[in-house]
Amino acid sequence: MTSKPARNVARTAALAVGAIGSAAIAAAYLYSSRRREGAEHKGTAPARPPSGEPPQTD
């Protein structure tokens, strides 16, 4: 047997690992940016009724 198929398998595995790694980095970046946006919106106060009536609760 020749070593050419082994090199091809190694190259394919390296490309697969690189693709999975870059996808994981992109997912982590998107997750952290969404958390940051959510934290910015949590500081705002809820809207009150414009007429000054107390909010209705069940």
Protein backbone atom coordinates (compact mmCIF):
# COMPACT_ATOMS: atom_id res chain seq x y z
CA MET A 1 0.00 0.00 0.00
CA THR A 2 1.07 3.56 -0.55
CA SER A 3 1.05 6.39 1.95
CA LYS A 4 -0.90 8.71 -0.36
CA PRO A 5 -4.37 7.74 1.01
CA ALA A 6 -3.12 8.30 4.56
CA ARG A 7 -2.04 11.85 3.69
CA ASN A 8 -5.39 12.48 2.06
CA VAL A 9 -7.22 11.32 5.19
CA ALA A 10 -5.03 13.48 7.40
CA ARG A 11 -5.61 16.50 5.20
CA THR A 12 -9.38 15.93 5.24
CA ALA A 13 -9.35 15.54 9.01
CA ALA A 14 -7.36 18.74 9.43
CA LEU A 15 -9.83 20.65 7.27
CA ALA A 16 -12.76 19.23 9.24
CA VAL A 17 -11.19 20.22 12.56
CA GLY A 18 -10.51 23.71 11.23
CA ALA A 19 -14.09 24.12 10.04
CA ILE A 20 -15.53 22.92 13.35
CA GLY A 21 -13.18 25.17 15.31
CA SER A 22 -14.04 28.26 13.30
CA ALA A 23 -17.75 27.52 13.63
CA ALA A 24 -17.35 27.23 17.40
CA ILE A 25 -15.54 30.57 17.56
CA ALA A 26 -18.27 32.23 15.48
CA ALA A 27 -21.00 30.77 17.71
CA ALA A 28 -19.22 31.98 20.85
CA TYR A 29 -18.90 35.47 19.38
CA LEU A 30 -22.59 35.62 18.47
CA TYR A 31 -23.61 34.33 21.91
CA SER A 32 -21.50 36.89 23.73
CA SER A 33 -22.75 39.78 21.58
CA ARG A 34 -26.38 38.79 22.24
CA ARG A 35 -25.72 38.62 25.98
CA ARG A 36 -24.15 42.08 25.84
CA GLU A 37 -27.17 43.50 23.97
CA GLY A 38 -29.54 41.90 26.48
CA ALA A 39 -27.65 43.41 29.40
CA GLU A 40 -27.94 46.87 27.85
CA HIS A 41 -31.73 46.55 27.56
CA LYS A 42 -32.26 45.28 31.11
CA GLY A 43 -31.37 48.67 32.57
CA THR A 44 -34.42 50.39 31.08
CA ALA A 45 -37.53 50.89 33.19
CA PRO A 46 -40.80 49.32 32.04
CA ALA A 47 -43.30 51.62 30.35
CA ARG A 48 -46.06 53.01 32.54
CA PRO A 49 -49.64 53.62 31.41
CA PRO A 50 -49.90 57.13 29.92
CA SER A 51 -53.05 58.04 31.88
CA GLY A 52 -51.43 57.52 35.28
CA GLU A 53 -53.67 54.59 36.16
CA PRO A 54 -52.11 51.81 38.22
CA PRO A 55 -51.09 48.78 36.20
CA GLN A 56 -53.63 45.97 36.15
CA THR A 57 -52.49 42.68 37.62
CA ASP A 58 -54.22 39.33 37.96
